[in-house]
Protein backbone atom coordinates (compact mmCIF):
# COMPACT_ATOMS: atom_id res chain seq x y z
CA MET A 1 -44.76 -28.96 25.15
CA LYS A 2 -42.11 -31.46 25.75
CA LYS A 3 -40.07 -31.22 28.83
CA ILE A 4 -37.28 -27.94 28.58
CA ARG A 5 -33.86 -28.24 29.56
CA ILE A 6 -32.69 -24.95 31.14
CA LEU A 7 -29.83 -24.27 32.15
CA LEU A 8 -29.44 -21.88 34.70
CA ILE A 9 -25.68 -20.26 35.06
CA GLU A 10 -26.69 -17.76 38.72
CA ASP A 11 -24.47 -17.55 41.45
CA ASP A 12 -27.30 -16.40 44.32
CA ALA A 13 -28.81 -19.78 46.02
CA ASP A 14 -31.60 -17.65 47.07
CA ASP A 15 -32.61 -16.70 43.82
CA VAL A 16 -32.11 -20.48 42.03
CA GLN A 17 -34.37 -21.74 44.50
CA LEU A 18 -37.12 -18.85 44.20
CA LEU A 19 -36.60 -19.58 40.02
CA GLN A 20 -37.04 -23.03 40.37
CA GLU A 21 -40.02 -22.55 42.94
CA ALA A 22 -41.64 -20.63 40.90
CA LEU A 23 -40.89 -22.90 37.56
CA GLN A 24 -42.59 -26.06 39.84
CA ASP A 25 -45.53 -23.08 40.67
CA ASN A 26 -46.55 -22.27 37.03
CA ASN A 27 -46.31 -26.45 36.45
CA VAL A 28 -43.80 -25.52 33.82
CA ASP A 29 -42.28 -29.79 33.00
CA CYS A 30 -38.69 -28.83 33.02
CA THR A 31 -35.12 -30.46 33.64
CA VAL A 32 -32.87 -27.13 35.65
CA ASP A 33 -29.06 -27.71 35.61
CA VAL A 34 -27.56 -24.70 37.60
CA VAL A 35 -23.69 -23.27 36.88
CA MET A 36 -22.75 -21.09 39.45
CA GLU A 37 -19.16 -19.61 38.54
CA GLY A 38 -19.03 -18.06 35.32
CA ASP A 39 -16.10 -20.07 34.24
CA ARG A 40 -17.39 -23.26 34.21
CA ALA A 41 -20.86 -22.17 31.69
CA LEU A 42 -18.80 -23.01 28.51
CA PRO A 43 -17.00 -26.14 29.94
CA TYR A 44 -20.97 -27.08 30.96
CA LEU A 45 -22.23 -26.62 26.99
CA MET A 46 -19.42 -28.24 25.99
CA SER A 47 -19.34 -32.01 27.48
CA ALA A 48 -23.96 -31.46 27.95
CA PRO A 49 -25.01 -34.96 26.83
CA ALA A 50 -27.65 -32.86 25.17
CA LEU A 51 -27.86 -29.11 24.95
CA PRO A 52 -30.56 -26.71 26.71
CA ASP A 53 -33.64 -25.03 26.09
CA ILE A 54 -32.92 -21.84 27.03
CA ILE A 55 -29.72 -20.27 28.86
CA VAL A 56 -31.38 -18.35 32.08
CA MET A 57 -28.10 -15.90 33.30
CA ASP A 58 -27.01 -13.51 35.19
CA PHE A 59 -24.61 -11.19 34.42
CA ASN A 60 -22.84 -10.80 38.06
CA LEU A 61 -21.07 -13.61 38.32
CA PRO A 62 -17.53 -15.11 40.57
CA LYS A 63 -14.62 -16.05 37.99
CA LEU A 64 -16.72 -14.99 34.28
CA HIS A 65 -18.41 -12.16 33.79
CA GLY A 66 -22.20 -12.85 32.66
CA ARG A 67 -21.17 -10.34 29.77
CA GLU A 68 -17.95 -12.27 28.52
CA ILE A 69 -20.75 -15.60 28.61
CA LEU A 70 -23.08 -14.76 26.08
CA THR A 71 -20.53 -13.05 23.96
CA LEU A 72 -19.02 -16.61 23.74
CA ILE A 73 -22.02 -17.72 23.35
CA ARG A 74 -23.05 -16.09 20.57
CA GLY A 75 -19.88 -16.44 19.31
CA ASP A 76 -19.78 -21.07 18.82
CA LYS A 77 -21.86 -21.89 16.20
CA ASN A 78 -22.62 -25.11 18.18
CA PHE A 79 -24.31 -22.52 20.70
CA ILE A 80 -25.73 -19.55 18.36
CA HIS A 81 -29.72 -20.73 18.23
CA ILE A 82 -30.10 -21.70 21.93
CA PRO A 83 -32.26 -18.48 22.96
CA VAL A 84 -30.54 -16.35 26.26
CA ILE A 85 -32.51 -15.04 28.65
CA VAL A 86 -30.33 -12.02 30.97
CA LEU A 87 -31.82 -12.16 34.57
CA THR A 88 -29.72 -10.05 36.48
CA THR A 89 -30.36 -6.90 39.52
CA SER A 90 -28.97 -4.66 36.67
CA ALA A 91 -31.23 -2.24 35.63
CA SER A 92 -28.31 -0.45 33.32
CA PRO A 93 -29.05 0.93 30.18
CA HIS A 94 -25.02 -0.39 29.09
CA ASP A 95 -25.81 -3.33 30.72
CA ILE A 96 -29.07 -3.41 28.34
CA LYS A 97 -27.44 -2.27 25.25
CA PHE A 98 -25.22 -4.77 25.39
CA SER A 99 -27.13 -7.64 25.66
CA GLU A 100 -29.28 -6.91 23.08
CA GLU A 101 -25.78 -6.03 20.59
CA ASN A 102 -24.89 -9.61 21.34
CA GLY A 103 -27.49 -11.42 20.96
CA ALA A 104 -29.31 -11.76 24.29
CA ASP A 105 -33.12 -12.75 23.24
CA LYS A 106 -34.60 -10.94 26.74
CA PHE A 107 -32.88 -8.66 29.46
CA ILE A 108 -34.85 -9.42 32.79
CA THR A 109 -34.17 -7.07 36.42
CA LYS A 110 -34.42 -9.91 38.78
CA PRO A 111 -37.81 -9.74 40.53
CA SER A 112 -37.66 -9.59 44.37
CA SER A 113 -41.15 -11.20 44.44
CA ILE A 114 -42.76 -14.49 44.48
CA GLN A 115 -45.23 -12.87 41.49
CA GLY A 116 -42.22 -10.91 39.73
CA PHE A 117 -40.35 -15.03 39.73
CA ASN A 118 -43.94 -15.52 38.55
CA GLU A 119 -43.77 -13.53 35.56
CA THR A 120 -40.41 -14.74 34.65
CA VAL A 121 -41.09 -17.81 34.74
CA GLN A 122 -44.28 -16.40 31.57
CA MET A 123 -40.91 -15.38 29.62
CA ILE A 124 -38.80 -17.99 29.70
CA THR A 125 -41.81 -20.27 28.28
CA GLU A 126 -42.55 -18.32 25.95
CA VAL A 127 -39.06 -17.74 24.55
CA VAL A 128 -39.07 -21.64 24.62
CA LYS A 129 -41.83 -21.81 22.00
């Protein structure tokens, strides 16, 4: 399998580290670029030397909410083909419905354990295949 380029839009440094460790533990050959503020996600995509193979994003972000980012990504023909996984603390039916209706490929409530992050990594690699 080729090296996966992941764009992680996440403002919690602990969650960034947990996901990166889970990717390593599962021997996923990848590069992870991290954007920690919502308003920087689209400028990053527009200026990236290579587009990511998948976007993993939180909803609760500073400066621009994840819902707005999802809508912007899905509204741009240059990025519409990139799979998006929403990985957030929310388990709200409203957020899940919003994600489904606005083109997210998966909605995952953030796990609270290493095992949970390992399962999340499996879902990420399945979506990219």
